[in-house]
């Protein structure tokens, strides 16, 4: 099974038309496919009709063939693959082979009997994606902080050596001869011990 490309997911804030008195399944199907980003911008593809047909055929346990899907979407077969990729990235549909007598019926079916169950699957796949992304982000933050710490450490060491260097270069007894004598005496005492 090919990897799902979750980068294809684009959620949109579309609400049901509350101004209508009686909402139809077609109205809500249109809202659902727009909210999940299955239909983007003003695409010609009729994703709401596809959703209704997929639900109907799922209840009958009949997969939809690609040419039938392209007829429902009213797009070419090559464009149908592109449109189905959006559905597959969310885990809403899958390609199936169902035995039918001697042969198999091949096509696409919804992965769950109801749209609420489909949303559970979509939510699960996006949560999994975000969990993995969170782990990557944590590693990124850790490496970034480590890099900053490494850059700061040489700067601090350099500043400390700059502070220490003037005292090392100072010759004993030049500025304060009395202090220099005291220092010499303490070093002589430590040598004798």
Protein backbone atom coordinates (compact mmCIF):
# COMPACT_ATOMS: atom_id res chain seq x y z
CA UNK A 1 0.00 0.00 0.00
CA UNK A 2 1.46 3.40 -0.95
CA UNK A 3 2.17 5.88 1.80
CA UNK A 4 -0.50 8.42 2.51
CA UNK A 5 0.52 11.95 1.65
CA UNK A 6 -0.95 13.90 4.52
CA UNK A 7 0.46 17.08 3.04
CA UNK A 8 -2.56 16.97 0.73
CA UNK A 9 -4.91 17.65 3.61
CA UNK A 10 -6.38 21.15 3.57
CA UNK A 11 -9.19 21.82 6.03
CA UNK A 12 -11.60 24.65 5.32
CA UNK A 13 -14.00 26.45 7.63
CA UNK A 14 -17.27 25.94 5.76
CA UNK A 15 -20.54 25.86 7.69
CA UNK A 16 -23.91 24.42 6.68
CA UNK A 17 -26.30 26.94 5.13
CA UNK A 18 -28.34 27.81 8.22
CA UNK A 19 -30.57 30.17 6.27
CA UNK A 20 -32.32 27.21 4.61
CA UNK A 21 -35.30 25.72 6.40
CA UNK A 22 -34.78 22.14 5.26
CA UNK A 23 -31.27 20.90 4.76
CA UNK A 24 -30.86 17.99 2.38
CA UNK A 25 -28.18 15.29 2.45
CA UNK A 26 -26.76 16.91 -0.70
CA UNK A 27 -26.30 20.22 1.14
CA UNK A 28 -24.52 18.56 4.04
CA UNK A 29 -22.44 16.38 1.70
CA UNK A 30 -21.26 19.54 -0.03
CA UNK A 31 -20.28 21.07 3.32
CA UNK A 32 -18.47 17.91 4.44
CA UNK A 33 -16.37 17.54 1.30
CA UNK A 34 -15.45 21.25 1.41
CA UNK A 35 -14.56 21.15 5.14
CA UNK A 36 -12.25 18.17 4.62
CA UNK A 37 -10.62 19.80 1.62
CA UNK A 38 -11.75 17.09 -0.80
CA UNK A 39 -13.18 19.76 -3.06
CA UNK A 40 -10.88 22.75 -3.25
CA UNK A 41 -11.51 26.16 -4.71
CA UNK A 42 -14.09 25.89 -7.47
CA UNK A 43 -13.20 22.50 -8.85
CA UNK A 44 -15.50 20.98 -11.45
CA UNK A 45 -15.40 17.64 -9.66
CA UNK A 46 -18.63 16.78 -7.88
CA UNK A 47 -17.27 15.34 -4.64
CA UNK A 48 -20.58 15.67 -2.81
CA UNK A 49 -22.25 13.42 -5.39
CA UNK A 50 -19.37 10.96 -5.08
CA UNK A 51 -19.80 10.87 -1.31
CA UNK A 52 -23.52 10.12 -1.62
CA UNK A 53 -22.88 7.37 -4.19
CA UNK A 54 -20.06 5.84 -2.14
CA UNK A 55 -22.31 5.67 0.93
CA UNK A 56 -25.08 4.05 -1.13
CA UNK A 57 -22.75 1.47 -2.69
CA UNK A 58 -21.07 0.78 0.65
CA UNK A 59 -24.42 -0.30 2.12
CA UNK A 60 -24.83 -2.69 -0.81
CA UNK A 61 -21.18 -3.81 -0.45
CA UNK A 62 -20.41 -2.98 -4.09
CA UNK A 63 -17.14 -1.24 -4.99
CA UNK A 64 -17.23 1.60 -7.50
CA UNK A 65 -15.01 1.22 -10.56
CA UNK A 66 -12.77 4.05 -11.66
CA UNK A 67 -14.75 4.83 -14.81
CA UNK A 68 -17.98 5.05 -12.77
CA UNK A 69 -16.26 7.40 -10.29
CA UNK A 70 -15.02 9.61 -13.13
CA UNK A 71 -18.60 9.78 -14.45
CA UNK A 72 -19.90 10.83 -11.03
CA UNK A 73 -17.15 13.42 -10.58
CA UNK A 74 -17.60 14.55 -14.22
CA UNK A 75 -13.85 14.66 -14.80
CA UNK A 76 -11.43 12.62 -16.90
CA UNK A 77 -10.02 9.32 -15.61
CA UNK A 78 -6.55 10.82 -15.16
CA UNK A 79 -8.05 13.66 -13.11
CA UNK A 80 -10.06 11.08 -11.14
CA UNK A 81 -6.85 9.56 -9.79
CA UNK A 82 -5.81 13.00 -8.54
CA UNK A 83 -9.19 13.57 -6.90
CA UNK A 84 -9.18 10.11 -5.28
CA UNK A 85 -5.73 10.78 -3.83
CA UNK A 86 -7.32 13.40 -1.56
CA UNK A 87 -9.83 10.83 -0.30
CA UNK A 88 -7.14 8.20 0.20
CA UNK A 89 -4.82 10.57 2.08
CA UNK A 90 -7.51 10.89 4.75
CA UNK A 91 -8.18 7.15 4.76
CA UNK A 92 -11.77 7.63 3.60
CA UNK A 93 -11.66 5.20 0.70
CA UNK A 94 -9.63 2.17 -0.28
CA UNK A 95 -9.15 -0.01 -3.31
CA UNK A 96 -10.77 -3.42 -2.79
CA UNK A 97 -11.23 -6.73 -4.60
CA UNK A 98 -14.42 -8.53 -3.64
CA UNK A 99 -14.99 -12.12 -4.82
CA UNK A 100 -17.98 -12.42 -7.09
CA UNK A 101 -18.48 -15.99 -8.22
CA UNK A 102 -15.40 -17.01 -10.22
CA UNK A 103 -13.98 -13.49 -10.68
CA UNK A 104 -13.35 -10.47 -8.50
CA UNK A 105 -15.09 -7.13 -8.53
CA UNK A 106 -12.47 -4.39 -8.23
CA UNK A 107 -13.06 -0.81 -7.25
CA UNK A 108 -13.11 1.77 -4.48
CA UNK A 109 -15.20 1.66 -1.32
CA UNK A 110 -15.57 3.75 1.79
CA UNK A 111 -13.54 2.37 4.69
CA UNK A 112 -16.46 2.67 7.12
CA UNK A 113 -20.26 2.34 6.86
CA UNK A 114 -21.09 5.82 8.22
CA UNK A 115 -19.50 9.22 7.80
CA UNK A 116 -18.95 9.54 11.56
CA UNK A 117 -16.83 6.39 11.46
CA UNK A 118 -14.97 7.82 8.47
CA UNK A 119 -14.23 10.96 10.44
CA UNK A 120 -12.87 8.83 13.27
CA UNK A 121 -10.42 7.25 10.82
CA UNK A 122 -9.46 10.61 9.37
CA UNK A 123 -8.95 12.02 12.87
CA UNK A 124 -6.82 9.04 13.83
CA UNK A 125 -4.58 9.38 10.80
CA UNK A 126 -4.11 13.12 11.29
CA UNK A 127 -3.40 12.65 15.01
CA UNK A 128 -0.81 10.03 14.15
CA UNK A 129 0.72 12.45 11.65
CA UNK A 130 0.86 15.23 14.24
CA UNK A 131 2.34 12.89 16.89
CA UNK A 132 5.16 12.00 14.53
CA UNK A 133 5.57 15.66 13.61
CA UNK A 134 5.71 16.59 17.30
CA UNK A 135 8.55 14.09 17.83
CA UNK A 136 10.44 15.61 14.91
CA UNK A 137 9.80 19.11 16.30
CA UNK A 138 11.10 18.03 19.72
CA UNK A 139 14.30 16.69 18.14
CA UNK A 140 14.60 19.90 16.16
CA UNK A 141 14.26 22.03 19.30
CA UNK A 142 16.77 19.88 21.20
CA UNK A 143 19.35 20.12 18.40
CA UNK A 144 18.78 23.83 18.03
CA UNK A 145 19.25 24.46 21.75
CA UNK A 146 22.37 22.28 21.75
CA UNK A 147 23.78 24.28 18.87
CA UNK A 148 23.07 27.55 20.69
CA UNK A 149 24.72 26.18 23.85
CA UNK A 150 27.81 25.17 21.88
CA UNK A 151 28.07 28.60 20.31
CA UNK A 152 27.73 30.33 23.69
CA UNK A 153 30.30 28.10 25.42
CA UNK A 154 33.32 29.20 23.28
CA UNK A 155 32.22 32.82 23.65
CA UNK A 156 32.07 32.47 27.45
CA UNK A 157 35.42 30.71 27.54
CA UNK A 158 36.91 33.42 25.36
CA UNK A 159 35.51 36.15 27.63
CA UNK A 160 36.87 34.37 30.71
CA UNK A 161 40.32 34.06 29.16
CA UNK A 162 40.23 37.73 28.20
CA UNK A 163 39.49 38.58 31.82
CA UNK A 164 42.25 36.30 33.05
CA UNK A 165 44.84 37.40 30.48
CA UNK A 166 45.48 40.93 31.83
CA UNK A 167 46.28 39.53 35.29
CA UNK A 168 48.65 36.97 33.81
CA UNK A 169 50.48 39.59 31.76
CA UNK A 170 50.89 41.90 34.72
CA UNK A 171 54.45 41.78 35.97
CA UNK A 172 54.97 41.55 39.66
CA UNK A 173 55.83 44.76 41.36
CA UNK A 174 55.32 47.19 38.49
CA UNK A 175 52.20 48.96 39.63
CA UNK A 176 52.12 47.95 43.29
CA UNK A 177 55.56 46.98 44.48
CA UNK A 178 54.32 46.07 47.94
CA UNK A 179 51.77 43.61 46.64
CA UNK A 180 54.36 42.05 44.37
CA UNK A 181 56.65 41.40 47.33
CA UNK A 182 53.85 39.76 49.21
CA UNK A 183 53.05 37.54 46.26
CA UNK A 184 56.70 36.53 45.91
CA UNK A 185 56.86 35.65 49.59
CA UNK A 186 53.74 33.48 49.37
CA UNK A 187 55.11 31.61 46.38
CA UNK A 188 58.45 31.05 48.21
CA UNK A 189 56.62 29.70 51.23
CA UNK A 190 54.63 27.22 49.12
CA UNK A 191 57.83 26.07 47.42
CA UNK A 192 59.60 25.45 50.76
CA UNK A 193 56.71 23.35 52.05
